[in-house]
All heavy atoms as atom14 arrays in JSON, in Angstrom:
{
  "sequence": "RHSFAFTRSARADVVRNLPFQDLTHALQTYITAKAARDFQMNLMGSA",
  "atom14_mask": [
    [1, 1, 1, 1, 1, 1, 1, 1, 1, 1, 1, 0, 0, 0],
    [1, 1, 1, 1, 1, 1, 1, 1, 1, 1, 0, 0, 0, 0],
    [1, 1, 1, 1, 1, 1, 0, 0, 0, 0, 0, 0, 0, 0],
    [1, 1, 1, 1, 1, 1, 1, 1, 1, 1, 1, 0, 0, 0],
    [1, 1, 1, 1, 1, 0, 0, 0, 0, 0, 0, 0, 0, 0],
    [1, 1, 1, 1, 1, 1, 1, 1, 1, 1, 1, 0, 0, 0],
    [1, 1, 1, 1, 1, 1, 1, 0, 0, 0, 0, 0, 0, 0],
    [1, 1, 1, 1, 1, 1, 1, 1, 1, 1, 1, 0, 0, 0],
    [1, 1, 1, 1, 1, 1, 0, 0, 0, 0, 0, 0, 0, 0],
    [1, 1, 1, 1, 1, 0, 0, 0, 0, 0, 0, 0, 0, 0],
    [1, 1, 1, 1, 1, 1, 1, 1, 1, 1, 1, 0, 0, 0],
    [1, 1, 1, 1, 1, 0, 0, 0, 0, 0, 0, 0, 0, 0],
    [1, 1, 1, 1, 1, 1, 1, 1, 0, 0, 0, 0, 0, 0],
    [1, 1, 1, 1, 1, 1, 1, 0, 0, 0, 0, 0, 0, 0],
    [1, 1, 1, 1, 1, 1, 1, 0, 0, 0, 0, 0, 0, 0],
    [1, 1, 1, 1, 1, 1, 1, 1, 1, 1, 1, 0, 0, 0],
    [1, 1, 1, 1, 1, 1, 1, 1, 0, 0, 0, 0, 0, 0],
    [1, 1, 1, 1, 1, 1, 1, 1, 0, 0, 0, 0, 0, 0],
    [1, 1, 1, 1, 1, 1, 1, 0, 0, 0, 0, 0, 0, 0],
    [1, 1, 1, 1, 1, 1, 1, 1, 1, 1, 1, 0, 0, 0],
    [1, 1, 1, 1, 1, 1, 1, 1, 1, 0, 0, 0, 0, 0],
    [1, 1, 1, 1, 1, 1, 1, 1, 0, 0, 0, 0, 0, 0],
    [1, 1, 1, 1, 1, 1, 1, 1, 0, 0, 0, 0, 0, 0],
    [1, 1, 1, 1, 1, 1, 1, 0, 0, 0, 0, 0, 0, 0],
    [1, 1, 1, 1, 1, 1, 1, 1, 1, 1, 0, 0, 0, 0],
    [1, 1, 1, 1, 1, 0, 0, 0, 0, 0, 0, 0, 0, 0],
    [1, 1, 1, 1, 1, 1, 1, 1, 0, 0, 0, 0, 0, 0],
    [1, 1, 1, 1, 1, 1, 1, 1, 1, 0, 0, 0, 0, 0],
    [1, 1, 1, 1, 1, 1, 1, 0, 0, 0, 0, 0, 0, 0],
    [1, 1, 1, 1, 1, 1, 1, 1, 1, 1, 1, 1, 0, 0],
    [1, 1, 1, 1, 1, 1, 1, 1, 0, 0, 0, 0, 0, 0],
    [1, 1, 1, 1, 1, 1, 1, 0, 0, 0, 0, 0, 0, 0],
    [1, 1, 1, 1, 1, 0, 0, 0, 0, 0, 0, 0, 0, 0],
    [1, 1, 1, 1, 1, 1, 1, 1, 1, 0, 0, 0, 0, 0],
    [1, 1, 1, 1, 1, 0, 0, 0, 0, 0, 0, 0, 0, 0],
    [1, 1, 1, 1, 1, 0, 0, 0, 0, 0, 0, 0, 0, 0],
    [1, 1, 1, 1, 1, 1, 1, 1, 1, 1, 1, 0, 0, 0],
    [1, 1, 1, 1, 1, 1, 1, 1, 0, 0, 0, 0, 0, 0],
    [1, 1, 1, 1, 1, 1, 1, 1, 1, 1, 1, 0, 0, 0],
    [1, 1, 1, 1, 1, 1, 1, 1, 1, 0, 0, 0, 0, 0],
    [1, 1, 1, 1, 1, 1, 1, 1, 0, 0, 0, 0, 0, 0],
    [1, 1, 1, 1, 1, 1, 1, 1, 0, 0, 0, 0, 0, 0],
    [1, 1, 1, 1, 1, 1, 1, 1, 0, 0, 0, 0, 0, 0],
    [1, 1, 1, 1, 1, 1, 1, 1, 0, 0, 0, 0, 0, 0],
    [1, 1, 1, 1, 0, 0, 0, 0, 0, 0, 0, 0, 0, 0],
    [1, 1, 1, 1, 1, 1, 0, 0, 0, 0, 0, 0, 0, 0],
    [1, 1, 1, 1, 1, 0, 0, 0, 0, 0, 0, 0, 0, 0]
  ],
  "atom14_positions": [
    [[146.92, 83.02, 181.9], [146.52, 81.85, 181.11], [147.46, 81.59, 179.93], [147.3, 80.62, 179.21], [145.08, 82.03, 180.59], [144.05, 82.07, 181.69], [142.61, 82.15, 181.15], [142.39, 83.27, 180.25], [142.09, 83.13, 178.95], [141.97, 81.96, 178.4], [141.9, 84.21, 178.21], [0.0, 0.0, 0.0], [0.0, 0.0, 0.0], [0.0, 0.0, 0.0]],
    [[148.38, 82.52, 179.68], [149.31, 82.42, 178.55], [148.55, 82.25, 177.23], [148.82, 81.36, 176.45], [150.3, 81.26, 178.74], [151.01, 81.29, 180.05], [152.0, 82.2, 180.31], [150.85, 80.56, 181.18], [152.43, 82.02, 181.55], [151.75, 81.04, 182.1], [0.0, 0.0, 0.0], [0.0, 0.0, 0.0], [0.0, 0.0, 0.0], [0.0, 0.0, 0.0]],
    [[147.6, 83.18, 177.03], [146.73, 83.03, 175.87], [146.29, 84.38, 175.32], [146.09, 85.34, 176.07], [145.5, 82.22, 176.28], [144.57, 82.16, 175.23], [0.0, 0.0, 0.0], [0.0, 0.0, 0.0], [0.0, 0.0, 0.0], [0.0, 0.0, 0.0], [0.0, 0.0, 0.0], [0.0, 0.0, 0.0], [0.0, 0.0, 0.0], [0.0, 0.0, 0.0]],
    [[146.1, 84.41, 174.01], [145.51, 85.56, 173.35], [143.99, 85.42, 173.26], [143.3, 86.37, 172.89], [146.07, 85.71, 171.92], [147.48, 86.19, 171.86], [148.53, 85.31, 171.66], [147.78, 87.53, 172.0], [149.84, 85.75, 171.59], [149.09, 87.99, 171.94], [150.12, 87.1, 171.74], [0.0, 0.0, 0.0], [0.0, 0.0, 0.0], [0.0, 0.0, 0.0]],
    [[143.45, 84.25, 173.56], [142.02, 83.97, 173.39], [141.23, 84.44, 174.6], [141.62, 84.24, 175.75], [141.8, 82.49, 173.16], [0.0, 0.0, 0.0], [0.0, 0.0, 0.0], [0.0, 0.0, 0.0], [0.0, 0.0, 0.0], [0.0, 0.0, 0.0], [0.0, 0.0, 0.0], [0.0, 0.0, 0.0], [0.0, 0.0, 0.0], [0.0, 0.0, 0.0]],
    [[140.07, 85.06, 174.32], [139.17, 85.54, 175.37], [137.75, 85.09, 175.04], [137.34, 85.09, 173.88], [139.2, 87.07, 175.46], [140.48, 87.59, 176.05], [141.59, 87.79, 175.26], [140.56, 87.89, 177.4], [142.78, 88.27, 175.8], [141.74, 88.37, 177.95], [142.85, 88.56, 177.14], [0.0, 0.0, 0.0], [0.0, 0.0, 0.0], [0.0, 0.0, 0.0]],
    [[137.01, 84.72, 176.07], [135.61, 84.31, 175.88], [134.65, 85.43, 176.24], [133.48, 85.37, 175.9], [135.29, 83.08, 176.74], [135.58, 83.38, 178.11], [136.09, 81.88, 176.28], [0.0, 0.0, 0.0], [0.0, 0.0, 0.0], [0.0, 0.0, 0.0], [0.0, 0.0, 0.0], [0.0, 0.0, 0.0], [0.0, 0.0, 0.0], [0.0, 0.0, 0.0]],
    [[135.15, 86.46, 176.96], [134.3, 87.6, 177.3], [135.1, 88.89, 177.26], [136.33, 88.87, 177.15], [133.65, 87.39, 178.66], [134.6, 87.13, 179.76], [133.9, 86.77, 181.05], [134.93, 86.48, 182.02], [134.78, 86.6, 183.29], [133.63, 86.95, 183.79], [135.77, 86.34, 184.1], [0.0, 0.0, 0.0], [0.0, 0.0, 0.0], [0.0, 0.0, 0.0]],
    [[134.41, 89.99, 177.38], [135.05, 91.3, 177.3], [135.97, 91.54, 178.48], [135.8, 90.96, 179.55], [133.99, 92.4, 177.27], [133.18, 92.27, 176.14], [0.0, 0.0, 0.0], [0.0, 0.0, 0.0], [0.0, 0.0, 0.0], [0.0, 0.0, 0.0], [0.0, 0.0, 0.0], [0.0, 0.0, 0.0], [0.0, 0.0, 0.0], [0.0, 0.0, 0.0]],
    [[136.93, 92.43, 178.28], [137.82, 92.88, 179.34], [137.66, 94.39, 179.46], [137.37, 95.07, 178.47], [139.26, 92.52, 179.01], [0.0, 0.0, 0.0], [0.0, 0.0, 0.0], [0.0, 0.0, 0.0], [0.0, 0.0, 0.0], [0.0, 0.0, 0.0], [0.0, 0.0, 0.0], [0.0, 0.0, 0.0], [0.0, 0.0, 0.0], [0.0, 0.0, 0.0]],
    [[137.83, 94.9, 180.65], [137.69, 96.34, 180.88], [139.06, 96.91, 181.27], [139.76, 96.32, 182.08], [136.68, 96.62, 181.98], [136.5, 98.11, 182.24], [135.36, 98.34, 183.14], [134.16, 98.26, 182.3], [133.09, 98.99, 182.5], [133.0, 99.8, 183.51], [132.05, 98.87, 181.68], [0.0, 0.0, 0.0], [0.0, 0.0, 0.0], [0.0, 0.0, 0.0]],
    [[139.4, 98.05, 180.69], [140.69, 98.67, 180.98], [140.63, 100.17, 180.7], [139.74, 100.65, 179.99], [141.78, 98.05, 180.12], [0.0, 0.0, 0.0], [0.0, 0.0, 0.0], [0.0, 0.0, 0.0], [0.0, 0.0, 0.0], [0.0, 0.0, 0.0], [0.0, 0.0, 0.0], [0.0, 0.0, 0.0], [0.0, 0.0, 0.0], [0.0, 0.0, 0.0]],
    [[141.57, 100.89, 181.26], [141.78, 102.29, 180.9], [142.8, 102.28, 179.76], [143.84, 101.63, 179.85], [142.33, 103.09, 182.08], [141.34, 103.19, 183.23], [140.14, 102.92, 183.02], [141.76, 103.54, 184.34], [0.0, 0.0, 0.0], [0.0, 0.0, 0.0], [0.0, 0.0, 0.0], [0.0, 0.0, 0.0], [0.0, 0.0, 0.0], [0.0, 0.0, 0.0]],
    [[142.48, 102.99, 178.69], [143.29, 102.97, 177.48], [144.02, 104.3, 177.33], [143.4, 105.36, 177.33], [142.41, 102.7, 176.24], [143.24, 102.72, 174.97], [141.67, 101.39, 176.39], [0.0, 0.0, 0.0], [0.0, 0.0, 0.0], [0.0, 0.0, 0.0], [0.0, 0.0, 0.0], [0.0, 0.0, 0.0], [0.0, 0.0, 0.0], [0.0, 0.0, 0.0]],
    [[145.35, 104.24, 177.21], [146.17, 105.42, 176.98], [146.47, 105.46, 175.48], [147.08, 104.55, 174.94], [147.48, 105.36, 177.79], [148.34, 106.58, 177.51], [147.17, 105.25, 179.28], [0.0, 0.0, 0.0], [0.0, 0.0, 0.0], [0.0, 0.0, 0.0], [0.0, 0.0, 0.0], [0.0, 0.0, 0.0], [0.0, 0.0, 0.0], [0.0, 0.0, 0.0]],
    [[145.99, 106.53, 174.83], [146.08, 106.63, 173.37], [147.15, 107.61, 172.9], [147.43, 108.6, 173.55], [144.74, 107.05, 172.8], [143.64, 106.06, 173.08], [142.38, 106.35, 172.27], [141.31, 105.47, 172.64], [141.15, 104.22, 172.21], [142.01, 103.72, 171.37], [140.13, 103.49, 172.62], [0.0, 0.0, 0.0], [0.0, 0.0, 0.0], [0.0, 0.0, 0.0]],
    [[147.7, 107.33, 171.74], [148.64, 108.23, 171.07], [147.81, 109.1, 170.12], [147.48, 108.69, 169.02], [149.69, 107.44, 170.29], [150.79, 108.32, 169.76], [150.85, 109.5, 170.04], [151.68, 107.73, 168.99], [0.0, 0.0, 0.0], [0.0, 0.0, 0.0], [0.0, 0.0, 0.0], [0.0, 0.0, 0.0], [0.0, 0.0, 0.0], [0.0, 0.0, 0.0]],
    [[147.47, 110.3, 170.57], [146.64, 111.2, 169.78], [147.48, 112.03, 168.83], [148.67, 112.27, 169.09], [145.87, 112.14, 170.72], [144.92, 111.5, 171.71], [144.31, 112.56, 172.61], [143.84, 110.72, 171.0], [0.0, 0.0, 0.0], [0.0, 0.0, 0.0], [0.0, 0.0, 0.0], [0.0, 0.0, 0.0], [0.0, 0.0, 0.0], [0.0, 0.0, 0.0]],
    [[146.89, 112.48, 167.73], [147.61, 113.4, 166.85], [147.97, 114.69, 167.6], [147.22, 115.14, 168.47], [146.6, 113.7, 165.73], [145.61, 112.59, 165.79], [145.56, 112.14, 167.22], [0.0, 0.0, 0.0], [0.0, 0.0, 0.0], [0.0, 0.0, 0.0], [0.0, 0.0, 0.0], [0.0, 0.0, 0.0], [0.0, 0.0, 0.0], [0.0, 0.0, 0.0]],
    [[149.09, 115.27, 167.26], [149.6, 116.45, 167.95], [148.56, 117.57, 168.0], [148.38, 118.21, 169.04], [150.88, 116.94, 167.26], [151.56, 118.07, 167.98], [152.36, 117.82, 169.07], [151.39, 119.37, 167.54], [152.98, 118.86, 169.74], [152.02, 120.42, 168.2], [152.82, 120.17, 169.31], [0.0, 0.0, 0.0], [0.0, 0.0, 0.0], [0.0, 0.0, 0.0]],
    [[147.84, 117.79, 166.92], [146.88, 118.89, 166.87], [145.67, 118.66, 167.79], [144.95, 119.6, 168.11], [146.43, 119.19, 165.44], [145.68, 118.07, 164.75], [146.59, 117.1, 164.04], [147.82, 117.13, 164.19], [146.02, 116.21, 163.24], [0.0, 0.0, 0.0], [0.0, 0.0, 0.0], [0.0, 0.0, 0.0], [0.0, 0.0, 0.0], [0.0, 0.0, 0.0]],
    [[145.46, 117.42, 168.24], [144.33, 117.13, 169.12], [144.68, 117.25, 170.6], [143.82, 117.05, 171.46], [143.8, 115.71, 168.86], [143.15, 115.58, 167.49], [142.86, 116.62, 166.86], [142.94, 114.43, 167.05], [0.0, 0.0, 0.0], [0.0, 0.0, 0.0], [0.0, 0.0, 0.0], [0.0, 0.0, 0.0], [0.0, 0.0, 0.0], [0.0, 0.0, 0.0]],
    [[145.92, 117.57, 170.91], [146.36, 117.69, 172.3], [146.03, 119.06, 172.86], [145.82, 120.01, 172.11], [147.86, 117.44, 172.39], [148.36, 116.11, 171.84], [149.88, 116.04, 171.91], [147.72, 114.96, 172.58], [0.0, 0.0, 0.0], [0.0, 0.0, 0.0], [0.0, 0.0, 0.0], [0.0, 0.0, 0.0], [0.0, 0.0, 0.0], [0.0, 0.0, 0.0]],
    [[146.03, 119.16, 174.18], [145.81, 120.47, 174.81], [147.0, 121.37, 174.5], [148.1, 120.91, 174.21], [145.67, 120.32, 176.34], [146.9, 119.81, 176.87], [144.51, 119.4, 176.7], [0.0, 0.0, 0.0], [0.0, 0.0, 0.0], [0.0, 0.0, 0.0], [0.0, 0.0, 0.0], [0.0, 0.0, 0.0], [0.0, 0.0, 0.0], [0.0, 0.0, 0.0]],
    [[146.76, 122.67, 174.62], [147.82, 123.64, 174.33], [149.02, 123.43, 175.27], [150.17, 123.49, 174.85], [147.29, 125.07, 174.44], [148.32, 126.1, 174.2], [148.88, 126.32, 172.97], [148.94, 126.97, 175.05], [149.78, 127.28, 173.05], [149.84, 127.68, 174.31], [0.0, 0.0, 0.0], [0.0, 0.0, 0.0], [0.0, 0.0, 0.0], [0.0, 0.0, 0.0]],
    [[148.75, 123.18, 176.55], [149.83, 122.99, 177.51], [150.67, 121.76, 177.15], [151.9, 121.78, 177.26], [149.27, 122.85, 178.92], [0.0, 0.0, 0.0], [0.0, 0.0, 0.0], [0.0, 0.0, 0.0], [0.0, 0.0, 0.0], [0.0, 0.0, 0.0], [0.0, 0.0, 0.0], [0.0, 0.0, 0.0], [0.0, 0.0, 0.0], [0.0, 0.0, 0.0]],
    [[150.02, 120.71, 176.72], [150.74, 119.49, 176.33], [151.55, 119.72, 175.05], [152.7, 119.29, 174.95], [149.74, 118.36, 176.16], [150.2, 116.92, 176.33], [151.06, 116.72, 177.55], [149.01, 115.98, 176.38], [0.0, 0.0, 0.0], [0.0, 0.0, 0.0], [0.0, 0.0, 0.0], [0.0, 0.0, 0.0], [0.0, 0.0, 0.0], [0.0, 0.0, 0.0]],
    [[150.97, 120.43, 174.09], [151.7, 120.75, 172.86], [152.94, 121.58, 173.16], [154.01, 121.33, 172.62], [150.8, 121.54, 171.89], [149.71, 120.74, 171.25], [148.81, 121.61, 170.38], [148.84, 122.84, 170.44], [147.99, 120.97, 169.57], [0.0, 0.0, 0.0], [0.0, 0.0, 0.0], [0.0, 0.0, 0.0], [0.0, 0.0, 0.0], [0.0, 0.0, 0.0]],
    [[152.79, 122.55, 174.06], [153.92, 123.42, 174.4], [155.04, 122.64, 175.06], [156.21, 122.8, 174.72], [153.44, 124.56, 175.33], [152.39, 125.28, 174.67], [154.57, 125.51, 175.66], [0.0, 0.0, 0.0], [0.0, 0.0, 0.0], [0.0, 0.0, 0.0], [0.0, 0.0, 0.0], [0.0, 0.0, 0.0], [0.0, 0.0, 0.0], [0.0, 0.0, 0.0]],
    [[154.68, 121.76, 175.99], [155.71, 120.96, 176.67], [156.39, 120.01, 175.69], [157.62, 119.89, 175.68], [155.13, 120.18, 177.85], [156.16, 119.26, 178.45], [157.25, 119.77, 179.15], [156.09, 117.88, 178.25], [158.23, 118.92, 179.66], [157.06, 117.04, 178.77], [158.13, 117.56, 179.47], [159.1, 116.74, 179.96], [0.0, 0.0, 0.0], [0.0, 0.0, 0.0]],
    [[155.62, 119.32, 174.88], [156.19, 118.38, 173.92], [157.13, 119.09, 172.96], [158.24, 118.61, 172.68], [155.08, 117.62, 173.16], [154.37, 116.64, 174.1], [155.63, 116.9, 171.95], [153.1, 116.04, 173.53], [0.0, 0.0, 0.0], [0.0, 0.0, 0.0], [0.0, 0.0, 0.0], [0.0, 0.0, 0.0], [0.0, 0.0, 0.0], [0.0, 0.0, 0.0]],
    [[156.72, 120.26, 172.48], [157.56, 121.03, 171.56], [158.86, 121.46, 172.24], [159.95, 121.35, 171.65], [156.8, 122.26, 171.04], [155.59, 121.82, 170.43], [157.62, 123.02, 170.03], [0.0, 0.0, 0.0], [0.0, 0.0, 0.0], [0.0, 0.0, 0.0], [0.0, 0.0, 0.0], [0.0, 0.0, 0.0], [0.0, 0.0, 0.0], [0.0, 0.0, 0.0]],
    [[158.76, 121.92, 173.49], [159.97, 122.35, 174.21], [160.91, 121.18, 174.46], [162.12, 121.3, 174.29], [159.57, 123.02, 175.52], [0.0, 0.0, 0.0], [0.0, 0.0, 0.0], [0.0, 0.0, 0.0], [0.0, 0.0, 0.0], [0.0, 0.0, 0.0], [0.0, 0.0, 0.0], [0.0, 0.0, 0.0], [0.0, 0.0, 0.0], [0.0, 0.0, 0.0]],
    [[160.36, 120.04, 174.85], [161.19, 118.85, 175.1], [161.83, 118.36, 173.81], [163.01, 118.03, 173.77], [160.36, 117.75, 175.75], [161.16, 116.49, 176.06], [160.37, 115.51, 176.87], [161.06, 114.2, 177.14], [162.47, 114.12, 177.03], [0.0, 0.0, 0.0], [0.0, 0.0, 0.0], [0.0, 0.0, 0.0], [0.0, 0.0, 0.0], [0.0, 0.0, 0.0]],
    [[161.04, 118.32, 172.74], [161.57, 117.88, 171.45], [162.65, 118.83, 170.95], [163.67, 118.39, 170.4], [160.44, 117.76, 170.43], [0.0, 0.0, 0.0], [0.0, 0.0, 0.0], [0.0, 0.0, 0.0], [0.0, 0.0, 0.0], [0.0, 0.0, 0.0], [0.0, 0.0, 0.0], [0.0, 0.0, 0.0], [0.0, 0.0, 0.0], [0.0, 0.0, 0.0]],
    [[162.46, 120.14, 171.13], [163.45, 121.12, 170.69], [164.76, 120.92, 171.45], [165.84, 120.97, 170.86], [162.93, 122.53, 170.9], [0.0, 0.0, 0.0], [0.0, 0.0, 0.0], [0.0, 0.0, 0.0], [0.0, 0.0, 0.0], [0.0, 0.0, 0.0], [0.0, 0.0, 0.0], [0.0, 0.0, 0.0], [0.0, 0.0, 0.0], [0.0, 0.0, 0.0]],
    [[164.66, 120.68, 172.76], [165.88, 120.47, 173.55], [166.6, 119.19, 173.1], [167.81, 119.19, 172.89], [165.53, 120.38, 175.03], [166.75, 120.24, 175.89], [166.42, 120.2, 177.36], [167.66, 120.16, 178.13], [167.74, 119.65, 179.34], [166.67, 119.18, 179.94], [168.89, 119.65, 179.96], [0.0, 0.0, 0.0], [0.0, 0.0, 0.0], [0.0, 0.0, 0.0]],
    [[165.86, 118.1, 172.96], [166.47, 116.84, 172.5], [167.08, 117.0, 171.11], [168.18, 116.52, 170.84], [165.42, 115.72, 172.47], [164.94, 115.31, 173.84], [165.47, 115.8, 174.86], [164.01, 114.48, 173.9], [0.0, 0.0, 0.0], [0.0, 0.0, 0.0], [0.0, 0.0, 0.0], [0.0, 0.0, 0.0], [0.0, 0.0, 0.0], [0.0, 0.0, 0.0]],
    [[166.34, 117.67, 170.22], [166.79, 117.88, 168.84], [168.08, 118.68, 168.81], [169.04, 118.31, 168.12], [165.67, 118.6, 168.08], [165.91, 118.75, 166.61], [166.01, 117.65, 165.78], [166.01, 120.01, 166.05], [166.2, 117.79, 164.42], [166.2, 120.17, 164.69], [166.31, 119.06, 163.88], [0.0, 0.0, 0.0], [0.0, 0.0, 0.0], [0.0, 0.0, 0.0]],
    [[168.13, 119.75, 169.58], [169.33, 120.59, 169.63], [170.51, 119.82, 170.19], [171.62, 119.91, 169.65], [169.04, 121.84, 170.48], [170.15, 122.87, 170.53], [171.29, 122.52, 171.48], [172.44, 122.63, 171.11], [171.0, 122.07, 172.69], [0.0, 0.0, 0.0], [0.0, 0.0, 0.0], [0.0, 0.0, 0.0], [0.0, 0.0, 0.0], [0.0, 0.0, 0.0]],
    [[170.29, 119.04, 171.24], [171.39, 118.28, 171.84], [171.91, 117.19, 170.89], [173.11, 116.94, 170.84], [170.98, 117.67, 173.17], [170.87, 118.68, 174.3], [172.37, 119.67, 174.57], [173.48, 118.43, 175.21], [0.0, 0.0, 0.0], [0.0, 0.0, 0.0], [0.0, 0.0, 0.0], [0.0, 0.0, 0.0], [0.0, 0.0, 0.0], [0.0, 0.0, 0.0]],
    [[171.02, 116.58, 170.13], [171.44, 115.54, 169.19], [172.2, 116.1, 168.0], [173.14, 115.48, 167.52], [170.23, 114.75, 168.67], [169.65, 113.83, 169.72], [170.29, 113.51, 170.71], [168.42, 113.44, 169.52], [0.0, 0.0, 0.0], [0.0, 0.0, 0.0], [0.0, 0.0, 0.0], [0.0, 0.0, 0.0], [0.0, 0.0, 0.0], [0.0, 0.0, 0.0]],
    [[171.79, 117.27, 167.52], [172.42, 117.83, 166.33], [173.63, 118.7, 166.63], [174.64, 118.62, 165.94], [171.4, 118.63, 165.51], [170.82, 117.88, 164.31], [170.13, 116.63, 164.7], [169.98, 118.79, 163.48], [0.0, 0.0, 0.0], [0.0, 0.0, 0.0], [0.0, 0.0, 0.0], [0.0, 0.0, 0.0], [0.0, 0.0, 0.0], [0.0, 0.0, 0.0]],
    [[173.52, 119.56, 167.64], [174.59, 120.51, 167.91], [175.3, 120.27, 169.24], [176.5, 120.47, 169.34], [174.05, 121.94, 167.86], [173.53, 122.32, 166.48], [172.93, 123.99, 166.43], [174.42, 124.93, 166.55], [0.0, 0.0, 0.0], [0.0, 0.0, 0.0], [0.0, 0.0, 0.0], [0.0, 0.0, 0.0], [0.0, 0.0, 0.0], [0.0, 0.0, 0.0]],
    [[174.56, 119.92, 170.24], [175.16, 119.67, 171.55], [175.69, 120.91, 172.24], [176.6, 120.84, 173.04], [0.0, 0.0, 0.0], [0.0, 0.0, 0.0], [0.0, 0.0, 0.0], [0.0, 0.0, 0.0], [0.0, 0.0, 0.0], [0.0, 0.0, 0.0], [0.0, 0.0, 0.0], [0.0, 0.0, 0.0], [0.0, 0.0, 0.0], [0.0, 0.0, 0.0]],
    [[175.1, 122.06, 171.94], [175.56, 123.31, 172.53], [175.05, 123.46, 173.96], [173.84, 123.43, 174.2], [175.08, 124.49, 171.68], [175.26, 125.71, 172.37], [0.0, 0.0, 0.0], [0.0, 0.0, 0.0], [0.0, 0.0, 0.0], [0.0, 0.0, 0.0], [0.0, 0.0, 0.0], [0.0, 0.0, 0.0], [0.0, 0.0, 0.0], [0.0, 0.0, 0.0]],
    [[175.96, 123.67, 174.9], [175.57, 123.85, 176.3], [174.82, 125.16, 176.49], [173.89, 125.25, 177.3], [176.8, 123.8, 177.19], [0.0, 0.0, 0.0], [0.0, 0.0, 0.0], [0.0, 0.0, 0.0], [0.0, 0.0, 0.0], [0.0, 0.0, 0.0], [0.0, 0.0, 0.0], [0.0, 0.0, 0.0], [0.0, 0.0, 0.0], [0.0, 0.0, 0.0]]
  ]
}
């Protein structure tokens, strides 16, 4: 409809950006490992 206006509710699945401390341990561990790798490559680039 090319519109922001709605006359009734819409239903959807919502993907949220939760605070780090509210995530599961497995998710925290993966995010930390991925961030550490990216961080190291951006700053030092050591193979």
